[in-house]
N, C-alpha and C. Protein backbone atom coordinates (compact mmCIF):
# COMPACT_ATOMS: atom_id res chain seq x y z
N UNK A 1 -14.98 -27.46 21.05
CA UNK A 1 -13.60 -27.63 20.65
C UNK A 1 -13.47 -27.11 19.22
N UNK A 2 -12.47 -26.29 19.00
CA UNK A 2 -12.26 -25.75 17.66
C UNK A 2 -11.67 -26.83 16.76
N UNK A 3 -11.73 -26.58 15.47
CA UNK A 3 -11.18 -27.55 14.51
C UNK A 3 -9.69 -27.75 14.70
N UNK A 4 -8.97 -26.66 14.98
CA UNK A 4 -7.52 -26.76 15.17
C UNK A 4 -7.20 -27.55 16.43
N UNK A 5 -7.95 -27.31 17.50
CA UNK A 5 -7.73 -28.04 18.75
C UNK A 5 -8.03 -29.52 18.55
N UNK A 6 -9.09 -29.82 17.83
CA UNK A 6 -9.45 -31.22 17.56
C UNK A 6 -8.36 -31.91 16.75
N UNK A 7 -7.80 -31.20 15.77
CA UNK A 7 -6.74 -31.78 14.96
C UNK A 7 -5.49 -32.04 15.80
N UNK A 8 -5.15 -31.10 16.68
CA UNK A 8 -3.99 -31.29 17.55
C UNK A 8 -4.20 -32.47 18.48
N UNK A 9 -5.40 -32.62 19.02
CA UNK A 9 -5.71 -33.74 19.91
C UNK A 9 -5.64 -35.07 19.16
N UNK A 10 -6.20 -35.12 17.96
CA UNK A 10 -6.15 -36.35 17.16
C UNK A 10 -4.71 -36.73 16.86
N UNK A 11 -3.90 -35.76 16.48
CA UNK A 11 -2.49 -36.02 16.18
C UNK A 11 -1.78 -36.58 17.41
N UNK A 12 -2.00 -35.99 18.57
CA UNK A 12 -1.36 -36.47 19.81
C UNK A 12 -1.83 -37.89 20.17
N UNK A 13 -3.11 -38.16 20.00
CA UNK A 13 -3.63 -39.49 20.33
C UNK A 13 -3.06 -40.55 19.40
N UNK A 14 -2.90 -40.21 18.13
CA UNK A 14 -2.35 -41.16 17.17
C UNK A 14 -0.86 -41.40 17.40
N UNK A 15 -0.16 -40.41 17.94
CA UNK A 15 1.27 -40.56 18.21
C UNK A 15 1.56 -41.23 19.55
N UNK A 16 0.60 -41.23 20.44
CA UNK A 16 0.82 -41.77 21.80
C UNK A 16 1.45 -43.16 21.82
N UNK A 17 0.97 -44.11 21.03
CA UNK A 17 1.58 -45.45 21.07
C UNK A 17 3.02 -45.48 20.55
N UNK A 18 3.43 -44.44 19.86
CA UNK A 18 4.77 -44.41 19.26
C UNK A 18 5.79 -43.66 20.10
N UNK A 19 5.39 -43.18 21.27
CA UNK A 19 6.31 -42.44 22.13
C UNK A 19 7.53 -43.30 22.42
N UNK A 20 8.69 -42.70 22.27
CA UNK A 20 9.92 -43.41 22.56
C UNK A 20 10.50 -44.17 21.37
N UNK A 21 9.75 -44.28 20.29
CA UNK A 21 10.25 -44.97 19.10
C UNK A 21 11.18 -44.04 18.33
N UNK A 22 12.29 -44.53 17.92
CA UNK A 22 13.26 -43.73 17.17
C UNK A 22 13.07 -43.93 15.66
N UNK A 23 13.48 -42.97 14.89
CA UNK A 23 13.50 -43.12 13.45
C UNK A 23 12.16 -42.97 12.75
N UNK A 24 11.20 -42.33 13.38
CA UNK A 24 9.88 -42.19 12.76
C UNK A 24 9.58 -40.75 12.38
N UNK A 25 10.59 -39.95 12.16
CA UNK A 25 10.39 -38.54 11.85
C UNK A 25 9.56 -38.35 10.59
N UNK A 26 9.87 -39.07 9.54
CA UNK A 26 9.13 -38.94 8.28
C UNK A 26 7.68 -39.36 8.47
N UNK A 27 7.45 -40.43 9.22
CA UNK A 27 6.08 -40.89 9.49
C UNK A 27 5.31 -39.81 10.25
N UNK A 28 5.94 -39.22 11.26
CA UNK A 28 5.28 -38.19 12.06
C UNK A 28 4.92 -36.97 11.21
N UNK A 29 5.84 -36.58 10.34
CA UNK A 29 5.58 -35.43 9.46
C UNK A 29 4.43 -35.73 8.50
N UNK A 30 4.41 -36.93 7.95
CA UNK A 30 3.34 -37.33 7.03
C UNK A 30 2.01 -37.38 7.77
N UNK A 31 2.02 -37.92 8.98
CA UNK A 31 0.79 -37.98 9.78
C UNK A 31 0.27 -36.58 10.07
N UNK A 32 1.16 -35.67 10.41
CA UNK A 32 0.77 -34.29 10.69
C UNK A 32 0.11 -33.66 9.46
N UNK A 33 0.71 -33.85 8.29
CA UNK A 33 0.12 -33.30 7.05
C UNK A 33 -1.27 -33.89 6.80
N UNK A 34 -1.40 -35.19 7.00
CA UNK A 34 -2.69 -35.84 6.74
C UNK A 34 -3.77 -35.36 7.71
N UNK A 35 -3.43 -35.22 8.97
CA UNK A 35 -4.41 -34.75 9.96
C UNK A 35 -4.80 -33.30 9.67
N UNK A 36 -3.83 -32.46 9.37
CA UNK A 36 -4.13 -31.05 9.11
C UNK A 36 -4.97 -30.87 7.84
N UNK A 37 -4.87 -31.80 6.90
CA UNK A 37 -5.64 -31.71 5.66
C UNK A 37 -7.07 -32.24 5.81
N UNK A 38 -7.36 -32.93 6.90
CA UNK A 38 -8.70 -33.50 7.09
C UNK A 38 -9.73 -32.41 7.36
N UNK A 39 -10.94 -32.59 6.85
CA UNK A 39 -12.04 -31.69 7.22
C UNK A 39 -12.36 -31.84 8.71
N UNK A 40 -12.84 -30.77 9.33
CA UNK A 40 -13.14 -30.78 10.76
C UNK A 40 -14.10 -31.90 11.16
N UNK A 41 -15.10 -32.14 10.34
CA UNK A 41 -16.08 -33.19 10.66
C UNK A 41 -15.41 -34.56 10.72
N UNK A 42 -14.53 -34.84 9.78
CA UNK A 42 -13.82 -36.13 9.79
C UNK A 42 -12.95 -36.27 11.04
N UNK A 43 -12.30 -35.19 11.44
CA UNK A 43 -11.46 -35.21 12.64
C UNK A 43 -12.31 -35.56 13.86
N UNK A 44 -13.45 -34.90 13.97
CA UNK A 44 -14.33 -35.17 15.13
C UNK A 44 -14.85 -36.60 15.12
N UNK A 45 -15.18 -37.12 13.93
CA UNK A 45 -15.63 -38.51 13.84
C UNK A 45 -14.52 -39.47 14.27
N UNK A 46 -13.30 -39.20 13.86
CA UNK A 46 -12.17 -40.06 14.24
C UNK A 46 -11.89 -39.98 15.73
N UNK A 47 -12.03 -38.79 16.31
CA UNK A 47 -11.87 -38.65 17.75
C UNK A 47 -12.93 -39.45 18.50
N UNK A 48 -14.17 -39.37 18.04
CA UNK A 48 -15.24 -40.15 18.65
C UNK A 48 -14.94 -41.64 18.56
N UNK A 49 -14.44 -42.08 17.41
CA UNK A 49 -14.12 -43.49 17.21
C UNK A 49 -12.99 -43.92 18.15
N UNK A 50 -11.95 -43.11 18.27
CA UNK A 50 -10.85 -43.44 19.19
C UNK A 50 -11.33 -43.49 20.64
N UNK A 51 -12.23 -42.58 20.99
CA UNK A 51 -12.78 -42.58 22.34
C UNK A 51 -13.54 -43.88 22.62
N UNK A 52 -14.33 -44.33 21.64
CA UNK A 52 -15.07 -45.58 21.80
C UNK A 52 -14.11 -46.76 21.90
N UNK A 53 -13.08 -46.78 21.07
CA UNK A 53 -12.09 -47.87 21.13
C UNK A 53 -11.39 -47.89 22.47
N UNK A 54 -11.02 -46.73 22.96
CA UNK A 54 -10.33 -46.64 24.25
C UNK A 54 -11.23 -47.16 25.36
N UNK A 55 -12.50 -46.77 25.32
CA UNK A 55 -13.45 -47.23 26.34
C UNK A 55 -13.59 -48.75 26.30
N UNK A 56 -13.77 -49.31 25.10
CA UNK A 56 -13.94 -50.76 24.99
C UNK A 56 -12.67 -51.50 25.39
N UNK A 57 -11.50 -50.97 25.04
CA UNK A 57 -10.26 -51.67 25.40
C UNK A 57 -10.05 -51.63 26.91
N UNK A 58 -10.44 -50.54 27.56
CA UNK A 58 -10.34 -50.48 29.02
C UNK A 58 -11.27 -51.49 29.68
N UNK A 59 -12.43 -51.68 29.10
CA UNK A 59 -13.40 -52.63 29.65
C UNK A 59 -12.96 -54.07 29.40
N UNK A 60 -12.49 -54.36 28.19
CA UNK A 60 -12.14 -55.72 27.81
C UNK A 60 -10.76 -56.15 28.31
N UNK A 61 -9.81 -55.22 28.34
CA UNK A 61 -8.43 -55.55 28.69
C UNK A 61 -7.87 -54.60 29.75
N UNK A 62 -8.44 -54.58 30.93
CA UNK A 62 -8.00 -53.58 31.92
C UNK A 62 -6.57 -53.78 32.41
N UNK A 63 -6.04 -55.00 32.39
CA UNK A 63 -4.72 -55.25 32.93
C UNK A 63 -3.62 -55.29 31.87
N UNK A 64 -3.98 -55.12 30.62
CA UNK A 64 -2.99 -55.21 29.55
C UNK A 64 -2.22 -53.89 29.48
N UNK A 65 -0.91 -53.99 29.46
CA UNK A 65 -0.10 -52.78 29.33
C UNK A 65 0.37 -52.64 27.90
N UNK A 66 0.68 -51.42 27.51
CA UNK A 66 1.16 -51.16 26.16
C UNK A 66 2.60 -51.61 26.02
N UNK A 67 2.93 -52.08 24.85
CA UNK A 67 4.30 -52.47 24.56
C UNK A 67 5.01 -51.32 23.89
N UNK A 68 6.30 -51.26 24.07
CA UNK A 68 7.12 -50.28 23.37
C UNK A 68 7.52 -50.81 22.02
N UNK A 69 8.28 -50.03 21.30
CA UNK A 69 8.76 -50.43 19.96
C UNK A 69 9.93 -51.39 20.07
């Protein structure tokens, strides 16, 4: 995975819980700037961390659904 692809994936994963929330344009723009400024290694480490969290949450809370805003 290229650095740009990893950054795009990280950005999408971080925004996923906020889908459907209104009024977060400034937050989204700030998040995009922060992710794009990260070194590739940090992006990959954060992706690995999110993957581990997702795996553990699926194991521990399989029936819990996400709440909206």
